[in-house]
Structure formats: structure tokens, C-alpha cells
N, C-alpha and C. Protein backbone atom coordinates (compact mmCIF):
# COMPACT_ATOMS: atom_id res chain seq x y z
N MET A 1 0.85 -1.18 0.02
CA MET A 1 0.00 0.00 0.02
C MET A 1 0.92 1.23 -0.03
N ALA A 2 0.35 2.26 -0.47
CA ALA A 2 0.98 3.54 -0.39
C ALA A 2 0.40 4.33 0.83
N ALA A 3 1.14 5.17 1.42
CA ALA A 3 0.64 6.00 2.50
C ALA A 3 -0.16 7.18 1.99
N ASP A 4 -1.37 6.87 1.47
CA ASP A 4 -2.21 7.88 0.81
C ASP A 4 -3.65 7.58 0.99
N LEU A 5 -4.44 8.58 0.64
CA LEU A 5 -5.90 8.47 0.79
C LEU A 5 -6.48 7.36 -0.07
N PHE A 6 -5.95 7.11 -1.26
CA PHE A 6 -6.50 6.17 -2.12
C PHE A 6 -6.33 4.71 -1.56
N SER A 7 -5.24 4.48 -0.86
CA SER A 7 -5.06 3.16 -0.24
C SER A 7 -6.06 2.99 0.87
N LEU A 8 -6.29 4.03 1.66
CA LEU A 8 -7.35 3.92 2.71
C LEU A 8 -8.75 3.63 2.12
N TYR A 9 -9.01 4.31 1.07
CA TYR A 9 -10.29 4.03 0.33
C TYR A 9 -10.36 2.57 -0.16
N ALA A 10 -9.23 2.11 -0.64
CA ALA A 10 -9.22 0.69 -1.13
C ALA A 10 -9.54 -0.24 -0.03
N LEU A 11 -8.93 -0.07 1.19
CA LEU A 11 -9.25 -0.93 2.31
C LEU A 11 -10.68 -0.85 2.63
N ASP A 12 -11.26 0.32 2.62
CA ASP A 12 -12.69 0.46 2.91
C ASP A 12 -13.55 -0.28 1.93
N ASN A 13 -13.19 -0.08 0.57
CA ASN A 13 -13.95 -0.75 -0.45
C ASN A 13 -13.86 -2.21 -0.44
N ILE A 14 -12.69 -2.79 -0.16
CA ILE A 14 -12.53 -4.23 -0.11
C ILE A 14 -13.34 -4.76 1.06
N SER A 15 -13.27 -4.06 2.18
CA SER A 15 -14.01 -4.50 3.36
C SER A 15 -15.51 -4.47 3.14
N ASP A 16 -16.01 -3.38 2.47
CA ASP A 16 -17.44 -3.27 2.15
C ASP A 16 -17.85 -4.38 1.20
N TRP A 17 -17.02 -4.62 0.21
CA TRP A 17 -17.34 -5.72 -0.82
C TRP A 17 -17.48 -7.04 -0.14
N ILE A 18 -16.53 -7.37 0.72
CA ILE A 18 -16.60 -8.69 1.39
C ILE A 18 -17.79 -8.82 2.27
N ARG A 19 -18.10 -7.77 2.98
CA ARG A 19 -19.29 -7.79 3.89
C ARG A 19 -20.52 -7.96 3.03
N SER A 20 -20.65 -7.24 1.93
CA SER A 20 -21.82 -7.30 1.04
C SER A 20 -21.90 -8.69 0.46
N TRP A 21 -20.85 -9.18 -0.09
CA TRP A 21 -20.82 -10.53 -0.76
C TRP A 21 -21.24 -11.61 0.25
N THR A 22 -20.71 -11.51 1.49
CA THR A 22 -21.06 -12.53 2.49
C THR A 22 -22.55 -12.44 2.83
N ARG A 23 -23.07 -11.23 2.93
CA ARG A 23 -24.48 -11.04 3.22
C ARG A 23 -25.31 -11.65 2.10
N ASP A 24 -24.94 -11.38 0.88
CA ASP A 24 -25.66 -11.91 -0.28
C ASP A 24 -25.63 -13.43 -0.34
N TYR A 25 -24.49 -14.00 -0.04
CA TYR A 25 -24.35 -15.43 0.00
C TYR A 25 -25.31 -16.01 1.02
N GLN A 26 -25.28 -15.47 2.21
CA GLN A 26 -26.17 -15.96 3.31
C GLN A 26 -27.67 -15.83 2.93
N ARG A 27 -28.02 -14.76 2.25
CA ARG A 27 -29.42 -14.58 1.80
C ARG A 27 -29.77 -15.62 0.76
N GLY A 28 -28.87 -15.94 -0.14
CA GLY A 28 -29.06 -16.89 -1.16
C GLY A 28 -29.22 -18.32 -0.54
N TYR A 29 -28.38 -18.61 0.45
CA TYR A 29 -28.48 -19.90 1.13
C TYR A 29 -29.81 -20.03 1.83
N ALA A 30 -30.26 -18.93 2.50
CA ALA A 30 -31.48 -18.94 3.25
C ALA A 30 -32.68 -19.11 2.26
N ALA A 31 -32.62 -18.56 1.11
CA ALA A 31 -33.63 -18.69 0.13
C ALA A 31 -33.72 -20.15 -0.39
N LEU A 32 -32.61 -20.76 -0.52
CA LEU A 32 -32.64 -22.23 -0.99
C LEU A 32 -33.33 -23.04 0.09
N VAL A 33 -32.95 -22.80 1.37
CA VAL A 33 -33.51 -23.59 2.44
C VAL A 33 -35.02 -23.32 2.54
N GLU A 34 -35.42 -22.08 2.43
CA GLU A 34 -36.78 -21.66 2.51
C GLU A 34 -37.63 -22.32 1.45
N ASN A 35 -37.00 -22.55 0.31
CA ASN A 35 -37.78 -23.16 -0.81
C ASN A 35 -37.53 -24.68 -0.90
N ASP A 36 -37.18 -25.28 0.22
CA ASP A 36 -37.08 -26.72 0.40
C ASP A 36 -36.01 -27.36 -0.44
N PHE A 37 -35.03 -26.62 -0.84
CA PHE A 37 -33.81 -27.23 -1.50
C PHE A 37 -32.89 -27.67 -0.33
N GLU A 38 -32.11 -28.60 -0.59
CA GLU A 38 -31.09 -29.08 0.36
C GLU A 38 -29.70 -28.75 -0.17
N PRO A 39 -29.25 -27.52 0.18
CA PRO A 39 -27.99 -26.98 -0.37
C PRO A 39 -26.79 -27.93 -0.18
N GLU A 40 -26.74 -28.58 0.97
CA GLU A 40 -25.56 -29.43 1.26
C GLU A 40 -25.46 -30.60 0.29
N GLU A 41 -26.63 -31.06 -0.30
CA GLU A 41 -26.63 -32.11 -1.25
C GLU A 41 -25.84 -31.66 -2.53
N TRP A 42 -25.85 -30.38 -2.72
CA TRP A 42 -25.21 -29.77 -3.89
C TRP A 42 -23.82 -29.28 -3.60
N GLY A 43 -23.39 -29.48 -2.34
CA GLY A 43 -22.10 -28.98 -1.90
C GLY A 43 -22.06 -27.49 -1.51
N ILE A 44 -23.23 -27.00 -1.29
CA ILE A 44 -23.36 -25.59 -0.91
C ILE A 44 -23.46 -25.57 0.60
N GLN A 45 -22.48 -24.82 1.22
CA GLN A 45 -22.43 -24.82 2.67
C GLN A 45 -23.14 -23.55 3.17
N SER A 46 -23.47 -23.60 4.47
CA SER A 46 -24.20 -22.51 5.02
C SER A 46 -23.31 -21.29 5.10
N ARG A 47 -22.04 -21.44 5.27
CA ARG A 47 -21.10 -20.31 5.26
C ARG A 47 -20.16 -20.48 4.08
N PRO A 48 -19.84 -19.38 3.37
CA PRO A 48 -18.92 -19.58 2.28
C PRO A 48 -17.57 -20.06 2.67
N ARG A 49 -17.14 -21.11 1.99
CA ARG A 49 -15.78 -21.63 2.36
C ARG A 49 -14.81 -20.77 1.64
N SER A 50 -13.76 -20.37 2.41
CA SER A 50 -12.77 -19.48 1.83
C SER A 50 -11.39 -20.09 1.99
N GLU A 51 -10.71 -20.18 0.94
CA GLU A 51 -9.37 -20.68 0.96
C GLU A 51 -8.36 -19.53 0.97
N ARG A 52 -8.90 -18.38 1.00
CA ARG A 52 -8.06 -17.16 1.00
C ARG A 52 -8.38 -16.39 2.27
N ALA A 53 -7.29 -15.72 2.78
CA ALA A 53 -7.47 -14.99 4.01
C ALA A 53 -6.53 -13.78 4.02
N PHE A 54 -6.90 -12.82 4.75
CA PHE A 54 -6.07 -11.62 4.87
C PHE A 54 -4.94 -11.87 5.90
N ALA A 55 -3.72 -11.84 5.44
CA ALA A 55 -2.55 -12.09 6.24
C ALA A 55 -1.80 -10.87 6.55
N GLY A 56 -2.07 -9.71 6.01
CA GLY A 56 -1.38 -8.54 6.39
C GLY A 56 -1.16 -7.57 5.23
N PHE A 57 -0.51 -6.51 5.55
CA PHE A 57 -0.21 -5.50 4.50
C PHE A 57 1.24 -4.99 4.62
N THR A 58 1.70 -4.50 3.51
CA THR A 58 2.96 -3.75 3.54
C THR A 58 2.69 -2.32 3.07
N VAL A 59 3.56 -1.48 3.48
CA VAL A 59 3.40 -0.08 3.07
C VAL A 59 4.70 0.30 2.32
N GLN A 60 4.53 0.91 1.14
CA GLN A 60 5.69 1.46 0.41
C GLN A 60 6.26 2.61 1.22
N GLN A 61 7.55 2.54 1.43
CA GLN A 61 8.30 3.58 2.11
C GLN A 61 8.14 4.93 1.39
N TYR A 62 7.90 5.95 2.09
CA TYR A 62 7.79 7.25 1.48
C TYR A 62 9.02 8.03 1.80
N VAL A 63 9.27 9.08 1.05
CA VAL A 63 10.47 9.87 1.19
C VAL A 63 10.39 10.65 2.50
N THR A 64 11.51 10.70 3.26
CA THR A 64 11.58 11.40 4.55
C THR A 64 12.44 12.66 4.29
N LYS A 65 12.33 13.59 5.12
CA LYS A 65 13.10 14.83 5.07
C LYS A 65 14.35 14.68 5.87
N ASN A 66 15.47 15.21 5.35
CA ASN A 66 16.73 15.19 6.04
C ASN A 66 16.94 16.52 6.62
N MET A 67 16.90 16.63 7.96
CA MET A 67 17.07 17.94 8.63
C MET A 67 18.26 17.85 9.56
N GLY A 68 19.41 18.46 9.14
CA GLY A 68 20.58 18.41 9.99
C GLY A 68 21.12 17.08 10.23
N GLY A 69 21.04 16.18 9.21
CA GLY A 69 21.53 14.82 9.39
C GLY A 69 20.60 13.84 9.98
N LYS A 70 19.35 14.34 10.39
CA LYS A 70 18.39 13.40 10.97
C LYS A 70 17.24 13.33 9.99
N PHE A 71 16.69 12.10 9.86
CA PHE A 71 15.58 11.89 8.98
C PHE A 71 14.31 12.12 9.77
N ARG A 72 13.42 12.90 9.20
CA ARG A 72 12.13 13.27 9.77
C ARG A 72 11.02 12.83 8.85
N LYS A 73 9.97 12.23 9.49
CA LYS A 73 8.82 11.83 8.65
C LYS A 73 8.08 13.04 8.09
N VAL A 74 7.50 12.82 6.95
CA VAL A 74 6.72 13.82 6.28
C VAL A 74 5.33 13.71 6.82
N ASN A 75 4.80 14.74 7.51
CA ASN A 75 3.47 14.66 8.13
C ASN A 75 2.37 14.30 7.18
N ALA A 76 2.41 14.76 5.97
CA ALA A 76 1.36 14.55 4.97
C ALA A 76 1.24 13.01 4.74
N TYR A 77 2.35 12.33 4.59
CA TYR A 77 2.35 10.88 4.40
C TYR A 77 2.06 10.16 5.71
N ASP A 78 2.70 10.58 6.79
CA ASP A 78 2.58 9.94 8.05
C ASP A 78 1.14 9.93 8.55
N ARG A 79 0.36 10.95 8.31
CA ARG A 79 -1.02 11.00 8.70
C ARG A 79 -1.81 9.86 8.13
N TYR A 80 -1.57 9.54 6.87
CA TYR A 80 -2.23 8.44 6.24
C TYR A 80 -1.69 7.08 6.70
N ARG A 81 -0.36 7.00 6.86
CA ARG A 81 0.30 5.81 7.31
C ARG A 81 -0.28 5.29 8.67
N LYS A 82 -0.53 6.26 9.57
CA LYS A 82 -1.03 5.90 10.88
C LYS A 82 -2.48 5.37 10.79
N GLN A 83 -3.21 5.65 9.75
CA GLN A 83 -4.60 5.17 9.63
C GLN A 83 -4.74 3.79 9.06
N ILE A 84 -3.67 3.29 8.44
CA ILE A 84 -3.71 2.01 7.72
C ILE A 84 -4.05 0.85 8.66
N PRO A 85 -3.38 0.67 9.79
CA PRO A 85 -3.71 -0.45 10.68
C PRO A 85 -5.16 -0.55 11.12
N GLU A 86 -5.71 0.60 11.45
CA GLU A 86 -7.18 0.59 11.91
C GLU A 86 -8.09 0.22 10.74
N ARG A 87 -7.78 0.75 9.55
CA ARG A 87 -8.62 0.41 8.39
C ARG A 87 -8.42 -1.08 8.02
N ALA A 88 -7.23 -1.59 8.10
CA ALA A 88 -6.95 -3.00 7.83
C ALA A 88 -7.66 -3.88 8.78
N GLU A 89 -7.87 -3.42 10.00
CA GLU A 89 -8.56 -4.24 11.02
C GLU A 89 -9.94 -4.56 10.64
N MET A 90 -10.56 -3.76 9.70
CA MET A 90 -11.93 -3.99 9.19
C MET A 90 -11.94 -5.37 8.41
N LEU A 91 -10.77 -5.82 7.96
CA LEU A 91 -10.77 -7.07 7.24
C LEU A 91 -10.53 -8.27 8.20
N ALA A 92 -10.63 -8.01 9.52
CA ALA A 92 -10.40 -9.03 10.52
C ALA A 92 -11.28 -10.27 10.33
N SER A 93 -12.47 -10.10 9.80
CA SER A 93 -13.42 -11.23 9.56
C SER A 93 -12.77 -12.22 8.55
N ARG A 94 -11.83 -11.80 7.76
CA ARG A 94 -11.15 -12.64 6.79
C ARG A 94 -9.67 -12.90 7.21
N ARG A 95 -9.41 -12.70 8.49
CA ARG A 95 -8.07 -12.86 9.07
C ARG A 95 -7.60 -14.38 8.87
N ALA A 96 -6.38 -14.52 8.45
CA ALA A 96 -5.80 -15.82 8.42
C ALA A 96 -5.66 -16.30 9.87
N PRO A 97 -5.86 -17.61 10.17
CA PRO A 97 -5.70 -18.10 11.54
C PRO A 97 -4.31 -17.74 12.12
N GLY A 98 -4.30 -17.30 13.25
CA GLY A 98 -3.03 -16.97 13.98
C GLY A 98 -2.45 -15.60 13.66
N VAL A 99 -3.13 -14.77 12.95
CA VAL A 99 -2.55 -13.45 12.64
C VAL A 99 -2.80 -12.58 13.85
N GLU A 100 -1.76 -11.99 14.36
CA GLU A 100 -1.91 -11.04 15.49
C GLU A 100 -1.62 -9.63 15.08
N ASP A 101 -0.79 -9.49 14.10
CA ASP A 101 -0.34 -8.15 13.67
C ASP A 101 -0.43 -8.13 12.12
N PHE A 102 -1.28 -7.33 11.53
CA PHE A 102 -1.42 -7.26 10.08
C PHE A 102 -0.25 -6.50 9.46
N ASP A 103 0.46 -5.64 10.21
CA ASP A 103 1.56 -4.85 9.63
C ASP A 103 2.78 -5.69 9.38
N LEU A 104 3.02 -5.99 8.13
CA LEU A 104 4.13 -6.92 7.75
C LEU A 104 5.43 -6.13 7.65
N GLY A 105 5.38 -4.85 7.43
CA GLY A 105 6.58 -3.99 7.33
C GLY A 105 6.52 -3.05 6.15
N VAL A 106 7.67 -2.38 5.97
CA VAL A 106 7.77 -1.33 4.96
C VAL A 106 8.59 -1.83 3.84
N VAL A 107 8.06 -1.71 2.57
CA VAL A 107 8.80 -2.00 1.39
C VAL A 107 9.69 -0.79 1.10
N PRO A 108 11.00 -0.99 1.06
CA PRO A 108 11.83 0.16 0.87
C PRO A 108 11.77 0.82 -0.47
N ASN A 109 11.93 2.10 -0.45
CA ASN A 109 11.96 2.89 -1.69
C ASN A 109 13.33 2.69 -2.31
N MET A 110 13.42 2.24 -3.45
CA MET A 110 14.71 1.92 -4.08
C MET A 110 15.21 3.02 -5.04
N PHE A 111 14.47 4.13 -5.09
CA PHE A 111 14.90 5.29 -5.84
C PHE A 111 15.40 4.93 -7.25
N SER A 112 16.63 5.22 -7.58
CA SER A 112 17.19 5.04 -8.95
C SER A 112 17.43 3.52 -9.29
N MET A 113 17.35 2.64 -8.30
CA MET A 113 17.67 1.22 -8.63
C MET A 113 16.55 0.52 -9.41
N VAL A 114 15.35 1.04 -9.30
CA VAL A 114 14.28 0.45 -10.05
C VAL A 114 14.46 0.68 -11.59
N PRO A 115 14.66 1.90 -12.01
CA PRO A 115 14.93 2.12 -13.46
C PRO A 115 16.23 1.36 -13.92
N LEU A 116 17.22 1.32 -13.02
CA LEU A 116 18.47 0.65 -13.34
C LEU A 116 18.16 -0.90 -13.59
N ALA A 117 17.36 -1.49 -12.73
CA ALA A 117 17.06 -2.87 -12.86
C ALA A 117 16.23 -3.10 -14.15
N GLN A 118 15.34 -2.14 -14.40
CA GLN A 118 14.47 -2.27 -15.65
C GLN A 118 15.37 -2.23 -16.91
N SER A 119 16.35 -1.31 -16.93
CA SER A 119 17.19 -1.18 -18.11
C SER A 119 18.13 -2.36 -18.22
N ALA A 120 18.50 -2.97 -17.10
CA ALA A 120 19.42 -4.10 -17.08
C ALA A 120 18.62 -5.42 -17.33
N HIS A 121 17.27 -5.36 -17.32
CA HIS A 121 16.42 -6.50 -17.43
C HIS A 121 16.79 -7.55 -16.38
N ALA A 122 16.92 -7.07 -15.14
CA ALA A 122 17.37 -7.91 -14.05
C ALA A 122 16.66 -7.45 -12.78
N PRO A 123 16.44 -8.42 -11.83
CA PRO A 123 15.84 -8.02 -10.57
C PRO A 123 16.90 -7.19 -9.77
N ILE A 124 16.40 -6.41 -8.84
CA ILE A 124 17.33 -5.53 -8.10
C ILE A 124 18.43 -6.31 -7.37
N GLY A 125 18.11 -7.51 -6.90
CA GLY A 125 19.08 -8.36 -6.23
C GLY A 125 20.16 -8.87 -7.14
N ALA A 126 19.95 -8.92 -8.44
CA ALA A 126 20.96 -9.41 -9.34
C ALA A 126 21.82 -8.38 -10.00
N LEU A 127 21.54 -7.04 -9.64
CA LEU A 127 22.33 -5.98 -10.25
C LEU A 127 23.75 -6.05 -9.79
N THR A 128 24.69 -5.74 -10.72
CA THR A 128 26.11 -5.69 -10.40
C THR A 128 26.69 -4.40 -10.89
N THR A 129 27.94 -4.16 -10.64
CA THR A 129 28.59 -2.94 -11.10
C THR A 129 28.61 -2.88 -12.63
N THR A 130 28.52 -4.03 -13.24
CA THR A 130 28.50 -4.08 -14.73
C THR A 130 27.17 -3.45 -15.24
N ASP A 131 26.16 -3.60 -14.43
CA ASP A 131 24.83 -3.05 -14.77
C ASP A 131 24.74 -1.49 -14.48
N GLY A 132 25.70 -1.06 -13.69
CA GLY A 132 25.72 0.38 -13.34
C GLY A 132 25.54 0.59 -11.82
N LEU A 133 25.50 -0.47 -11.03
CA LEU A 133 25.39 -0.32 -9.61
C LEU A 133 26.60 0.36 -9.03
N ARG A 134 26.42 1.47 -8.31
CA ARG A 134 27.53 2.27 -7.85
C ARG A 134 27.38 2.67 -6.40
N GLY A 135 28.51 2.84 -5.77
CA GLY A 135 28.64 3.48 -4.40
C GLY A 135 27.59 3.02 -3.42
N ALA A 136 26.76 3.93 -2.90
CA ALA A 136 25.82 3.70 -1.86
C ALA A 136 24.77 2.72 -2.29
N GLN A 137 24.56 2.51 -3.57
CA GLN A 137 23.53 1.57 -4.04
C GLN A 137 23.85 0.13 -3.60
N VAL A 138 25.20 -0.18 -3.42
CA VAL A 138 25.54 -1.51 -2.98
C VAL A 138 24.97 -1.79 -1.58
N ASN A 139 25.11 -0.81 -0.68
CA ASN A 139 24.55 -0.91 0.68
C ASN A 139 23.04 -0.92 0.63
N GLN A 140 22.52 -0.09 -0.24
CA GLN A 140 21.03 0.01 -0.35
C GLN A 140 20.50 -1.31 -0.78
N GLN A 141 21.21 -2.00 -1.72
CA GLN A 141 20.76 -3.34 -2.25
C GLN A 141 20.77 -4.35 -1.03
N ALA A 142 21.79 -4.27 -0.16
CA ALA A 142 21.89 -5.23 0.95
C ALA A 142 20.73 -4.90 1.97
N ARG A 143 20.46 -3.61 2.20
CA ARG A 143 19.35 -3.28 3.12
C ARG A 143 18.01 -3.75 2.55
N TYR A 144 17.89 -3.66 1.23
CA TYR A 144 16.66 -4.05 0.58
C TYR A 144 16.39 -5.56 0.87
N PHE A 145 17.39 -6.33 0.72
CA PHE A 145 17.23 -7.80 1.01
C PHE A 145 16.91 -8.04 2.52
N SER A 146 17.50 -7.35 3.36
CA SER A 146 17.27 -7.49 4.76
C SER A 146 15.82 -7.11 5.12
N GLN A 147 15.37 -6.03 4.57
CA GLN A 147 13.99 -5.59 4.82
C GLN A 147 12.99 -6.58 4.23
N LEU A 148 13.24 -7.04 3.02
CA LEU A 148 12.28 -7.95 2.43
C LEU A 148 12.30 -9.32 3.15
N ASP A 149 13.45 -9.72 3.69
CA ASP A 149 13.47 -10.95 4.46
C ASP A 149 12.60 -10.81 5.74
N GLU A 150 12.65 -9.59 6.39
CA GLU A 150 11.80 -9.39 7.58
C GLU A 150 10.31 -9.48 7.24
N ILE A 151 9.99 -8.85 6.12
CA ILE A 151 8.57 -8.93 5.66
C ILE A 151 8.20 -10.39 5.33
N ALA A 152 9.04 -11.10 4.70
CA ALA A 152 8.76 -12.50 4.36
C ALA A 152 8.60 -13.33 5.59
N ASN A 153 9.44 -13.11 6.61
CA ASN A 153 9.32 -13.88 7.84
C ASN A 153 8.03 -13.56 8.61
N ARG A 154 7.59 -12.28 8.55
CA ARG A 154 6.33 -11.94 9.21
C ARG A 154 5.18 -12.62 8.49
N LEU A 155 5.23 -12.62 7.11
CA LEU A 155 4.18 -13.24 6.32
C LEU A 155 4.14 -14.76 6.62
N ILE A 156 5.26 -15.36 6.69
CA ILE A 156 5.36 -16.82 6.96
C ILE A 156 4.71 -17.09 8.33
N THR A 157 5.00 -16.25 9.35
CA THR A 157 4.40 -16.40 10.67
C THR A 157 2.87 -16.23 10.61
N ASN A 158 2.45 -15.19 9.95
CA ASN A 158 1.01 -14.96 9.82
C ASN A 158 0.22 -16.02 9.12
N LEU A 159 0.91 -16.67 8.20
CA LEU A 159 0.24 -17.79 7.44
C LEU A 159 0.37 -19.09 8.19
N GLY A 160 1.16 -19.11 9.22
CA GLY A 160 1.36 -20.38 9.96
C GLY A 160 2.14 -21.44 9.22
N ILE A 161 3.02 -20.97 8.37
CA ILE A 161 3.86 -21.87 7.54
C ILE A 161 5.15 -22.14 8.30
N GLU A 162 5.53 -23.42 8.32
CA GLU A 162 6.79 -23.77 8.93
C GLU A 162 7.97 -23.25 8.08
N ASP A 163 8.89 -22.61 8.73
CA ASP A 163 10.10 -22.12 7.97
C ASP A 163 11.20 -23.15 8.16
N ASP A 164 11.56 -23.76 7.00
CA ASP A 164 12.54 -24.90 6.97
C ASP A 164 13.90 -24.39 7.30
N ASP A 165 14.19 -23.05 7.25
CA ASP A 165 15.50 -22.56 7.45
C ASP A 165 15.84 -22.42 8.92
N ASP A 166 14.89 -22.58 9.78
CA ASP A 166 15.14 -22.46 11.22
C ASP A 166 15.65 -23.79 11.82
């Protein structure tokens, strides 16, 4: 997600759609029963079976201000960022079993490395100095992997998947 109003609206819209769809399903099931059909004979259950669940969200890192060597959050972005967890909680009815925290982490802003990877036709992790990777980008590339590993580990935990690397 981005830390913006449109992402908040998206969470609201998804939540509303799921609530509406579930209500419609339950009405349809009730109508079948009311009309003496036996839905279970046809494999129709009283509650919709879901093989998908909400396991969390990531937020795209937004640009921070550098004031005297210290990074400071930009209030315009931060105001929206702070609202995301509460809005995501509306999807709790579709929570994957065992999820305690929907916030999986921040996807780092890779600045100039994205177009560099696109022109090299390579993922960010495969970029080398031959592709044009220079200076601070090498450290940025390492931080990128570290942050994505943290996000992946939180997702694995939220999904209840055993991590074979432990």
C-alpha cells in the first residue's frame, strides 16, 4: 500500500465488498432452504468456504526529510500511514488463523535502482557494477534484502507456515 488516501479508500472498499458479498451469500443460502432445497446435497455450505485470508499489509516507504543529518517523517504521508492499521482491522473477519499483527513491514523505496534494474532486465538483487550499480547503491541493495526478509518472515508467521531454514 501507499501511505495515501487512495489506499485507505481501497481498504474500505474491499471490506465493504466482502461484507456485502457474504451477506448476499447468506441470503441466497436462506432462500434455498426456505424453498425446500437441500443445499448441502449440492455442496453448498451455510457459510462460504474461503481458501483465502487476509494475512497482512505492507506499506511502500515514502520519502523522508533530512534535517541536519536526521531523517524526519513527512507529516502529509505519516497522517495516512497511521490510519492504515485501523482500516486494515476491518478485514479481521477474513483474518488468516493466527494473525496477530497485520503490519508486515515497509517495502523500501529503491529510488534510482528500479529504473536501473529495468534497463538491465534484471531483478534488483541481481544488479552488479556491470549493470551500473555504484557506491551507496551496494549498501542500499543489501538493506533491501534485509527488509524484504523481515517482511517474508512476518508473512510466514501470519500464514502459519513452517520455516525450513530455522
